[in-house]
Structures are given as C-alpha cells and as structure tokens.
C-alpha cells in the first residue's frame, strides 16, 4: 500500500515509533524504537532475541503508532497497520543508515546531546558491532489512519 502524503509527512516529522506486536499466545508488547523510512517501507534496528522480534517471527501483523513531532507529543496519532519481517542486518543499506544518522545524530538538538556525551560514542559503536544477533525489522504498511489522543 502506498501511504498518503499527509501520513508520510507525519512519519517524517516523528522521532520515534511505538511498535505494537503480539506473541503467538496473544500477549501484547509495545516497544518504542528509532526508525528510517525508504519509500513506504519502514526499517528499525533490533536484536533477533528481543521479544518484539520473536513476536514478529510468530505473528507478522504489527501496529505502528506515531505521536510526536520532533520529539514533542502531538494531539493526533497516526496508526499504521503493517506486515513485518525480521531480516539480516545487511538490509540496512548505507543509504538507510545515512537517513538514520541525519535523523538521530545530525539534528541540532541531537548534535548537542552527542557533544555532551562524546565519551559514550566509541563504546556504543563497539557494542553494536560486536553483537552477532543484530537484525532489521522491515515493515510494509497495509493501512493508515489518524486518531485523536485522549485528553489528560
């Protein structure tokens, strides 16, 4: 499905997505994740052993909730239903990685955060490089709709 332009703009303004999955037994799990968009497909990094990754392998139907603009809560929520697959980390191409870097490391507020925490960068890079179980969640949207957040 091709997402409508309004939904794509809303997604592009969000910093995180809440990934909602269900286990084979129907137990729900909501996980906030960083993401990259390439066309209509959404990509998220994870570990194969994470609960949400195991849920997707048993039940690929997911719900994505986008509810922020540049890190600030919005009145509307974009709910996207989709089909997810857990793929090898090679699916996160250099172009997709560059989108993630621009989104999460090169924004002015993000750059200030990383300047304050520069000592952690090499540790984080080593952590992610040494993890043999890293994977990518690839989600193809099926439908999208805007909802109003409840007050309070």
N, C-alpha and C. Protein backbone atom coordinates (compact mmCIF):
# COMPACT_ATOMS: atom_id res chain seq x y z
N UNK A 1 0.83 -1.17 0.00
CA UNK A 1 0.00 0.00 0.00
C UNK A 1 0.88 1.23 0.00
N UNK A 2 0.48 2.22 -0.73
CA UNK A 2 1.17 3.50 -0.74
C UNK A 2 0.55 4.40 0.32
N UNK A 3 1.36 4.90 1.22
CA UNK A 3 0.84 5.78 2.27
C UNK A 3 0.48 7.14 1.68
N UNK A 4 -0.59 7.77 2.17
CA UNK A 4 -0.96 9.10 1.69
C UNK A 4 0.11 10.13 2.07
N UNK A 5 0.23 11.22 1.28
CA UNK A 5 1.27 12.23 1.56
C UNK A 5 1.20 12.81 2.97
N UNK A 6 0.00 13.02 3.52
CA UNK A 6 -0.12 13.54 4.88
C UNK A 6 0.47 12.59 5.91
N UNK A 7 0.28 11.29 5.70
CA UNK A 7 0.85 10.29 6.61
C UNK A 7 2.37 10.27 6.50
N UNK A 8 2.90 10.37 5.28
CA UNK A 8 4.34 10.38 5.09
C UNK A 8 4.98 11.59 5.77
N UNK A 9 4.35 12.76 5.65
CA UNK A 9 4.88 13.97 6.31
C UNK A 9 4.87 13.79 7.83
N UNK A 10 3.80 13.20 8.35
CA UNK A 10 3.70 12.97 9.80
C UNK A 10 4.80 12.01 10.26
N UNK A 11 5.01 10.95 9.51
CA UNK A 11 6.06 9.97 9.83
C UNK A 11 7.43 10.64 9.79
N UNK A 12 7.68 11.44 8.77
CA UNK A 12 8.98 12.09 8.63
C UNK A 12 9.26 13.07 9.76
N UNK A 13 8.23 13.63 10.38
CA UNK A 13 8.42 14.54 11.50
C UNK A 13 8.58 13.85 12.83
N UNK A 14 8.25 12.58 12.92
CA UNK A 14 8.33 11.85 14.19
C UNK A 14 9.76 11.38 14.46
N UNK A 15 10.13 11.34 15.73
CA UNK A 15 11.45 10.83 16.10
C UNK A 15 11.42 9.36 16.50
N UNK A 16 10.31 8.93 17.05
CA UNK A 16 10.20 7.52 17.46
C UNK A 16 8.87 6.96 16.99
N UNK A 17 8.83 5.66 16.95
CA UNK A 17 7.59 4.95 16.65
C UNK A 17 7.38 3.95 17.78
N UNK A 18 6.13 3.75 18.13
CA UNK A 18 5.81 2.68 19.09
C UNK A 18 5.38 1.48 18.26
N UNK A 19 6.16 0.42 18.33
CA UNK A 19 5.90 -0.82 17.61
C UNK A 19 5.09 -1.72 18.52
N UNK A 20 3.90 -2.09 18.07
CA UNK A 20 3.00 -2.94 18.85
C UNK A 20 2.96 -4.33 18.22
N UNK A 21 3.34 -5.33 18.97
CA UNK A 21 3.36 -6.71 18.49
C UNK A 21 2.55 -7.58 19.44
N UNK A 22 2.26 -8.82 18.98
CA UNK A 22 1.58 -9.80 19.83
C UNK A 22 2.32 -11.12 19.72
N UNK A 23 2.43 -11.78 20.86
CA UNK A 23 3.05 -13.09 20.87
C UNK A 23 2.09 -14.10 20.23
N UNK A 24 2.57 -15.31 20.02
CA UNK A 24 1.69 -16.36 19.47
C UNK A 24 0.49 -16.59 20.37
N UNK A 25 0.67 -16.38 21.68
CA UNK A 25 -0.41 -16.56 22.63
C UNK A 25 -1.29 -15.33 22.78
N UNK A 26 -1.00 -14.26 22.03
CA UNK A 26 -1.82 -13.06 22.06
C UNK A 26 -1.41 -12.01 23.07
N UNK A 27 -0.26 -12.18 23.73
CA UNK A 27 0.21 -11.20 24.71
C UNK A 27 0.80 -10.00 23.97
N UNK A 28 0.28 -8.78 24.24
CA UNK A 28 0.77 -7.60 23.52
C UNK A 28 2.07 -7.06 24.10
N UNK A 29 2.81 -6.37 23.25
CA UNK A 29 4.05 -5.71 23.67
C UNK A 29 4.17 -4.41 22.87
N UNK A 30 4.45 -3.30 23.54
CA UNK A 30 4.68 -2.02 22.88
C UNK A 30 6.12 -1.62 23.13
N UNK A 31 6.86 -1.36 22.05
CA UNK A 31 8.27 -1.03 22.14
C UNK A 31 8.56 0.26 21.39
N UNK A 32 9.10 1.30 22.04
CA UNK A 32 9.50 2.50 21.29
C UNK A 32 10.83 2.25 20.59
N UNK A 33 10.90 2.62 19.32
CA UNK A 33 12.11 2.39 18.53
C UNK A 33 12.41 3.59 17.63
N UNK A 34 13.68 3.72 17.27
CA UNK A 34 14.07 4.64 16.21
C UNK A 34 13.77 3.95 14.89
N UNK A 35 13.60 4.71 13.83
CA UNK A 35 13.24 4.12 12.55
C UNK A 35 13.79 4.94 11.40
N UNK A 36 13.81 4.33 10.22
CA UNK A 36 14.13 5.02 8.97
C UNK A 36 13.06 4.63 7.97
N UNK A 37 12.74 5.56 7.08
CA UNK A 37 11.75 5.29 6.03
C UNK A 37 12.47 5.34 4.70
N UNK A 38 12.21 4.34 3.87
CA UNK A 38 12.72 4.31 2.50
C UNK A 38 11.51 4.04 1.61
N UNK A 39 10.97 5.11 0.99
CA UNK A 39 9.72 4.98 0.26
C UNK A 39 8.61 4.75 1.27
N UNK A 40 7.84 3.70 1.08
CA UNK A 40 6.77 3.37 2.03
C UNK A 40 7.21 2.34 3.06
N UNK A 41 8.39 1.77 2.91
CA UNK A 41 8.86 0.73 3.82
C UNK A 41 9.58 1.37 5.01
N UNK A 42 9.32 0.86 6.20
CA UNK A 42 9.95 1.35 7.42
C UNK A 42 10.94 0.31 7.94
N UNK A 43 12.07 0.79 8.44
CA UNK A 43 13.15 -0.06 8.93
C UNK A 43 13.50 0.32 10.35
N UNK A 44 13.73 -0.68 11.20
CA UNK A 44 14.13 -0.47 12.59
C UNK A 44 15.20 -1.49 12.95
N UNK A 45 16.20 -1.04 13.67
CA UNK A 45 17.23 -1.96 14.13
C UNK A 45 16.78 -2.67 15.40
N UNK A 46 17.24 -3.89 15.57
CA UNK A 46 16.88 -4.66 16.77
C UNK A 46 17.86 -5.81 16.95
N UNK A 47 17.61 -6.64 17.92
CA UNK A 47 18.34 -7.89 18.12
C UNK A 47 17.37 -9.04 17.88
N UNK A 48 17.85 -10.10 17.28
CA UNK A 48 16.98 -11.24 16.97
C UNK A 48 16.30 -11.82 18.20
N UNK A 49 16.95 -11.74 19.35
CA UNK A 49 16.40 -12.32 20.57
C UNK A 49 15.43 -11.42 21.31
N UNK A 50 15.25 -10.18 20.84
CA UNK A 50 14.33 -9.27 21.52
C UNK A 50 12.90 -9.81 21.44
N UNK A 51 12.12 -9.51 22.46
CA UNK A 51 10.74 -10.01 22.49
C UNK A 51 9.97 -9.60 21.24
N UNK A 52 10.08 -8.33 20.82
CA UNK A 52 9.30 -7.89 19.67
C UNK A 52 9.74 -8.61 18.39
N UNK A 53 11.03 -8.92 18.26
CA UNK A 53 11.50 -9.65 17.08
C UNK A 53 10.94 -11.08 17.08
N UNK A 54 10.92 -11.71 18.25
CA UNK A 54 10.37 -13.07 18.33
C UNK A 54 8.86 -13.05 18.08
N UNK A 55 8.17 -12.02 18.56
CA UNK A 55 6.74 -11.90 18.28
C UNK A 55 6.49 -11.80 16.79
N UNK A 56 7.27 -10.99 16.09
CA UNK A 56 7.09 -10.79 14.64
C UNK A 56 7.30 -12.10 13.90
N UNK A 57 8.27 -12.89 14.31
CA UNK A 57 8.51 -14.16 13.63
C UNK A 57 7.33 -15.10 13.77
N UNK A 58 6.59 -15.00 14.86
CA UNK A 58 5.42 -15.86 15.05
C UNK A 58 4.12 -15.22 14.58
N UNK A 59 4.07 -13.89 14.51
CA UNK A 59 2.85 -13.17 14.16
C UNK A 59 3.26 -11.86 13.48
N UNK A 60 3.36 -11.83 12.15
CA UNK A 60 3.92 -10.67 11.44
C UNK A 60 3.02 -9.43 11.39
N UNK A 61 1.78 -9.52 11.82
CA UNK A 61 0.90 -8.35 11.84
C UNK A 61 1.29 -7.41 12.97
N UNK A 62 1.58 -6.13 12.65
CA UNK A 62 2.00 -5.16 13.66
C UNK A 62 1.18 -3.89 13.53
N UNK A 63 1.22 -3.10 14.59
CA UNK A 63 0.63 -1.76 14.59
C UNK A 63 1.75 -0.80 14.96
N UNK A 64 1.85 0.28 14.19
CA UNK A 64 2.82 1.34 14.47
C UNK A 64 2.07 2.58 14.91
N UNK A 65 2.53 3.22 15.97
CA UNK A 65 1.91 4.44 16.46
C UNK A 65 2.94 5.58 16.42
N UNK A 66 2.62 6.61 15.66
CA UNK A 66 3.45 7.80 15.57
C UNK A 66 2.68 8.92 16.27
N UNK A 67 3.30 9.53 17.30
CA UNK A 67 2.56 10.54 18.05
C UNK A 67 3.44 11.70 18.50
N UNK A 68 4.49 12.00 17.75
CA UNK A 68 5.30 13.15 18.12
C UNK A 68 5.77 13.89 16.87
N UNK A 69 6.07 15.15 17.04
CA UNK A 69 6.68 15.97 16.00
C UNK A 69 7.99 16.46 16.59
N UNK A 70 9.10 15.96 16.06
CA UNK A 70 10.43 16.36 16.52
C UNK A 70 10.59 16.16 18.03
N UNK A 71 10.01 15.09 18.55
CA UNK A 71 10.15 14.75 19.95
C UNK A 71 9.07 15.31 20.86
N UNK A 72 8.19 16.14 20.35
CA UNK A 72 7.11 16.70 21.17
C UNK A 72 5.80 16.00 20.85
N UNK A 73 5.05 15.69 21.90
CA UNK A 73 3.77 14.98 21.76
C UNK A 73 2.79 15.80 20.91
N UNK A 74 2.03 15.12 20.09
CA UNK A 74 1.02 15.78 19.24
C UNK A 74 -0.38 15.40 19.69
N UNK A 75 -1.33 16.16 19.24
CA UNK A 75 -2.74 15.88 19.55
C UNK A 75 -3.23 14.67 18.77
N UNK A 76 -2.72 14.51 17.56
CA UNK A 76 -3.13 13.38 16.71
C UNK A 76 -2.10 12.26 16.78
N UNK A 77 -2.58 11.07 16.55
CA UNK A 77 -1.74 9.88 16.47
C UNK A 77 -1.97 9.27 15.09
N UNK A 78 -0.89 8.88 14.44
CA UNK A 78 -1.02 8.14 13.18
C UNK A 78 -0.86 6.66 13.51
N UNK A 79 -1.91 5.89 13.20
CA UNK A 79 -1.86 4.44 13.42
C UNK A 79 -1.68 3.78 12.07
N UNK A 80 -0.63 3.01 11.95
CA UNK A 80 -0.32 2.29 10.71
C UNK A 80 -0.36 0.80 11.01
N UNK A 81 -1.16 0.07 10.26
CA UNK A 81 -1.15 -1.39 10.34
C UNK A 81 -0.20 -1.89 9.27
N UNK A 82 0.58 -2.90 9.60
CA UNK A 82 1.54 -3.38 8.62
C UNK A 82 1.92 -4.83 8.83
N UNK A 83 2.71 -5.31 7.89
CA UNK A 83 3.25 -6.66 7.93
C UNK A 83 4.75 -6.54 8.11
N UNK A 84 5.28 -7.19 9.13
CA UNK A 84 6.70 -7.06 9.48
C UNK A 84 7.45 -8.35 9.21
N UNK A 85 8.73 -8.19 8.94
CA UNK A 85 9.65 -9.32 8.81
C UNK A 85 10.95 -8.96 9.52
N UNK A 86 11.56 -9.92 10.16
CA UNK A 86 12.87 -9.73 10.76
C UNK A 86 13.88 -10.21 9.74
N UNK A 87 14.77 -9.31 9.34
CA UNK A 87 15.75 -9.59 8.27
C UNK A 87 17.17 -9.47 8.79
N UNK A 88 18.10 -9.92 7.95
CA UNK A 88 19.53 -9.78 8.28
C UNK A 88 19.89 -8.30 8.33
N UNK A 89 20.89 -7.97 9.13
CA UNK A 89 21.23 -6.55 9.29
C UNK A 89 21.77 -5.93 8.02
N UNK A 90 22.13 -6.72 7.04
CA UNK A 90 22.57 -6.21 5.75
C UNK A 90 21.47 -5.46 5.00
N UNK A 91 20.21 -5.66 5.39
CA UNK A 91 19.10 -4.94 4.76
C UNK A 91 19.15 -3.45 5.07
N UNK A 92 19.89 -3.08 6.12
CA UNK A 92 20.04 -1.67 6.45
C UNK A 92 21.19 -1.14 5.60
N UNK A 93 20.87 -0.77 4.36
CA UNK A 93 21.88 -0.31 3.40
C UNK A 93 22.53 0.98 3.89
N UNK A 94 23.59 1.38 3.21
CA UNK A 94 24.28 2.62 3.58
C UNK A 94 23.35 3.82 3.46
N UNK A 95 22.51 3.84 2.44
CA UNK A 95 21.55 4.94 2.29
C UNK A 95 20.59 5.01 3.46
N UNK A 96 20.10 3.86 3.90
CA UNK A 96 19.18 3.83 5.04
C UNK A 96 19.90 4.21 6.33
N UNK A 97 21.14 3.76 6.47
CA UNK A 97 21.93 4.15 7.64
C UNK A 97 22.17 5.66 7.64
N UNK A 98 22.42 6.23 6.48
CA UNK A 98 22.62 7.69 6.38
C UNK A 98 21.36 8.44 6.81
N UNK A 99 20.20 7.93 6.45
CA UNK A 99 18.94 8.56 6.89
C UNK A 99 18.83 8.54 8.42
N UNK A 100 19.21 7.40 9.02
CA UNK A 100 19.17 7.30 10.48
C UNK A 100 20.15 8.29 11.12
N UNK A 101 21.34 8.41 10.56
CA UNK A 101 22.34 9.32 11.11
C UNK A 101 21.83 10.76 11.03
N UNK A 102 21.28 11.15 9.88
CA UNK A 102 20.74 12.51 9.74
C UNK A 102 19.60 12.75 10.74
N UNK A 103 18.74 11.77 10.89
CA UNK A 103 17.56 11.93 11.75
C UNK A 103 17.93 11.99 13.23
N UNK A 104 18.87 11.15 13.67
CA UNK A 104 19.10 11.00 15.10
C UNK A 104 20.43 11.55 15.62
N UNK A 105 21.37 11.85 14.72
CA UNK A 105 22.66 12.33 15.19
C UNK A 105 23.02 13.73 14.70
N UNK A 106 22.50 14.14 13.56
CA UNK A 106 22.90 15.42 12.98
C UNK A 106 21.89 16.55 13.15
N UNK A 107 20.75 16.28 13.74
CA UNK A 107 19.81 17.37 14.05
C UNK A 107 20.47 18.25 15.11
N UNK A 108 20.15 19.54 15.12
CA UNK A 108 20.81 20.43 16.09
C UNK A 108 20.67 19.96 17.54
N UNK A 109 19.50 19.56 17.97
CA UNK A 109 19.34 19.12 19.36
C UNK A 109 20.06 17.80 19.61
N UNK A 110 20.06 16.93 18.61
CA UNK A 110 20.75 15.65 18.75
C UNK A 110 22.26 15.87 18.77
N UNK A 111 22.74 16.74 17.92
CA UNK A 111 24.18 17.01 17.88
C UNK A 111 24.65 17.55 19.23
N UNK A 112 23.86 18.41 19.86
CA UNK A 112 24.22 18.94 21.18
C UNK A 112 24.29 17.80 22.20
N UNK A 113 23.31 16.88 22.14
CA UNK A 113 23.32 15.73 23.05
C UNK A 113 24.59 14.90 22.86
N UNK A 114 24.96 14.61 21.62
CA UNK A 114 26.13 13.76 21.37
C UNK A 114 27.42 14.48 21.71
N UNK A 115 27.45 15.81 21.56
CA UNK A 115 28.63 16.55 22.00
C UNK A 115 28.81 16.44 23.51
N UNK A 116 27.71 16.48 24.23
CA UNK A 116 27.78 16.34 25.69
C UNK A 116 28.17 14.93 26.12
N UNK A 117 27.87 13.94 25.29
CA UNK A 117 28.10 12.53 25.63
C UNK A 117 29.11 11.87 24.70
N UNK A 118 30.08 12.62 24.21
CA UNK A 118 31.01 12.11 23.23
C UNK A 118 31.80 10.90 23.71
N UNK A 119 32.00 10.78 25.01
CA UNK A 119 32.78 9.64 25.53
C UNK A 119 32.07 8.31 25.32
N UNK A 120 30.78 8.33 25.19
CA UNK A 120 30.00 7.10 25.03
C UNK A 120 29.96 6.59 23.58
N UNK A 121 30.29 7.43 22.63
CA UNK A 121 30.11 7.07 21.21
C UNK A 121 30.93 5.83 20.84
N UNK A 122 32.21 5.79 21.19
CA UNK A 122 33.03 4.62 20.80
C UNK A 122 32.54 3.36 21.50
N UNK A 123 32.11 3.50 22.76
CA UNK A 123 31.57 2.34 23.47
C UNK A 123 30.31 1.82 22.78
N UNK A 124 29.42 2.72 22.39
CA UNK A 124 28.18 2.31 21.73
C UNK A 124 28.48 1.66 20.38
N UNK A 125 29.41 2.21 19.62
CA UNK A 125 29.75 1.64 18.32
C UNK A 125 30.28 0.22 18.49
N UNK A 126 31.19 0.04 19.45
CA UNK A 126 31.73 -1.30 19.70
C UNK A 126 30.63 -2.27 20.11
N UNK A 127 29.73 -1.82 20.96
CA UNK A 127 28.62 -2.66 21.41
C UNK A 127 27.81 -3.17 20.22
N UNK A 128 27.46 -2.27 19.31
CA UNK A 128 26.64 -2.67 18.17
C UNK A 128 27.41 -3.50 17.15
N UNK A 129 28.69 -3.24 16.97
CA UNK A 129 29.50 -4.02 16.02
C UNK A 129 29.73 -5.44 16.51
N UNK A 130 29.83 -5.62 17.82
CA UNK A 130 30.14 -6.93 18.37
C UNK A 130 28.93 -7.82 18.56
N UNK A 131 27.74 -7.28 18.38
CA UNK A 131 26.52 -8.08 18.57
C UNK A 131 26.26 -8.93 17.32
N UNK A 132 26.41 -10.24 17.40
CA UNK A 132 26.18 -11.07 16.23
C UNK A 132 24.69 -11.25 15.90
N UNK A 133 23.82 -10.89 16.86
CA UNK A 133 22.40 -11.14 16.67
C UNK A 133 21.62 -9.92 16.21
N UNK A 134 22.33 -8.87 15.74
CA UNK A 134 21.61 -7.69 15.28
C UNK A 134 20.85 -8.01 14.00
N UNK A 135 19.70 -7.38 13.88
CA UNK A 135 18.83 -7.62 12.73
C UNK A 135 18.08 -6.33 12.41
N UNK A 136 17.30 -6.38 11.37
CA UNK A 136 16.49 -5.25 10.94
C UNK A 136 15.05 -5.70 10.83
N UNK A 137 14.15 -4.90 11.37
CA UNK A 137 12.71 -5.14 11.17
C UNK A 137 12.29 -4.32 9.97
N UNK A 138 11.70 -4.99 9.00
CA UNK A 138 11.22 -4.34 7.77
C UNK A 138 9.70 -4.41 7.78
N UNK A 139 9.04 -3.25 7.70
CA UNK A 139 7.58 -3.21 7.79
C UNK A 139 6.98 -2.59 6.55
N UNK A 140 6.07 -3.34 5.95
CA UNK A 140 5.32 -2.84 4.81
C UNK A 140 3.92 -2.43 5.30
N UNK A 141 3.56 -1.15 5.16
CA UNK A 141 2.25 -0.70 5.63
C UNK A 141 1.10 -1.31 4.84
N UNK A 142 0.00 -1.57 5.53
CA UNK A 142 -1.22 -2.08 4.92
C UNK A 142 -2.30 -1.00 4.92
N UNK A 143 -2.39 -0.24 6.03
CA UNK A 143 -3.36 0.86 6.11
C UNK A 143 -2.85 1.89 7.11
N UNK A 144 -3.39 3.11 7.01
CA UNK A 144 -3.00 4.18 7.93
C UNK A 144 -4.21 5.06 8.20
N UNK A 145 -4.32 5.51 9.46
CA UNK A 145 -5.39 6.44 9.81
C UNK A 145 -4.95 7.31 10.97
N UNK A 146 -5.48 8.55 10.98
CA UNK A 146 -5.21 9.47 12.07
C UNK A 146 -6.27 9.31 13.14
N UNK A 147 -5.83 9.35 14.40
CA UNK A 147 -6.73 9.26 15.55
C UNK A 147 -6.42 10.44 16.48
N UNK A 148 -7.40 10.84 17.27
CA UNK A 148 -7.20 11.87 18.27
C UNK A 148 -6.75 11.23 19.58
N UNK A 149 -5.74 11.83 20.22
CA UNK A 149 -5.30 11.33 21.53
C UNK A 149 -6.30 11.76 22.58
N UNK A 150 -6.58 10.91 23.54
CA UNK A 150 -7.47 11.32 24.63
C UNK A 150 -6.83 12.43 25.47
N UNK A 151 -7.62 13.30 26.01
CA UNK A 151 -7.10 14.36 26.88
C UNK A 151 -6.62 13.79 28.19
N UNK A 152 -5.60 14.46 28.75
CA UNK A 152 -5.13 14.08 30.09
C UNK A 152 -4.09 13.11 30.03
